[in-house]
């Protein structure tokens, strides 16, 4: 019985810290998008969103699922304060990432004319593509390092570097540029790049400092080949790619079928809708390494207890946020400017999709951290293909609303499908909705 309660407080304590940092991140992101919208307009918000989309797409190719692999292996093999084995995995993965990101950066520069013609045809500059190319190795390093911090149960550090510092530095730089009247519409891209570089290097420095401080001489580290690492990471790469497609297909297709102004309006709606999944993100930060640790120690009862606790916490915190978005969608969007109010119904649809994402719990991390990454990969592929098809059909017909419907539906498909697979594999549900407990028991 002791295991039932030994780990649960960590979820509340860790999630509270992560939730606070995530809220801070959202506030900073809100301020950042507000400043870009007010100073540079909806079109600049659209360009900024497309740039972030492209960076994330190429970073997935660069990282190859090794960020999640790092999280899993570090949390699986860490032994008290001995970081020899876990630190070795991080160093091996980082070396590979630096090489792969250089290759991807070269690829981006090689196909830059195609990228410019597809997404920046009305911009007489290659600056957006140069920003993407330079950002790839730094974002790759930041993702792997922050996930490694999670593996060492350094939740505050992981959340601080990836959630808080990038938007914070970005805001500072934009305010400085505005004060000196340097307001070119591409300036947010430059400030973002500078913020990313600084945050990435700081994150890398502090993790190396932690590894140096906690190293011991008591463990002999067995050499691990890159082939064995990629055997774990490649299914996660496919999964990450599919999740990225689901997250950013709508942005790219709106940019392709419509214009950067529409992308800007839609991006703000997406930004606000993600408030609904705040707690899910916070809980995932602390629960993912716990899932791996408990499962590989065969403490399945403790694993179930953490899943149930986290699901209840997510539901109780997400529901009020959803209702707030429903009733005040126009008021929220009006804060960014009158041109954004037209996306109010898009915001409601996206909010519903994010709510389903939240109440189904940490199903993705649960499957990935317990050796079921191939199961999650297959569900992600199906959902991503559905997302692409629906966006391709619905955006030309219904515009921004079509994109919102496609994204919300595919998000629901991914999470409900994963929930069903968790039930099949482990025998219990991750979803928590009080009034259907009897139905769950009957099933």
Foldseek 3Di string as FASTA:
>chain_A
DCLLPPCQVLLVVQLVLLLVLLVLLLVLVVVLLLLLCVQQNLLLLLLVLVLVLLLLLLLLQLLLQLLLLLLLVLLAPDDPLACPQSVVSLVVSLVSSLVSLLVSLVVLVVCQVVVCVQFVVVDPDSVSSVLSSLLNSLVNLLSNLLSNCLSVVVLNLSSCLPRPQLSVQLVVVSVVCVVVPNRDSCVSSVSSSVSSNVSSVVSVVVVVVSNVVRHDDPDDHDDDDVVVSSVLRNLSSLLSNLVSLLVCVLSSVLSRVPNSSLSSLLVVLLSLLLVLQSSLVSSCSNCLSVLLHCLVVVVLSSNVSNLQSSLVVSLVVNVVSLVCLVVCQQVVQCSSPPSNSVCSVLSNLLNLLSNLLRQQHPLQSNCSSNVNSNVLSVQSVVLSVQLNVQSVPQCVPPNSSSNSNSSSVSSNSSSVSSQVVCCVPSVAGSGDDPVCPVVRVVD
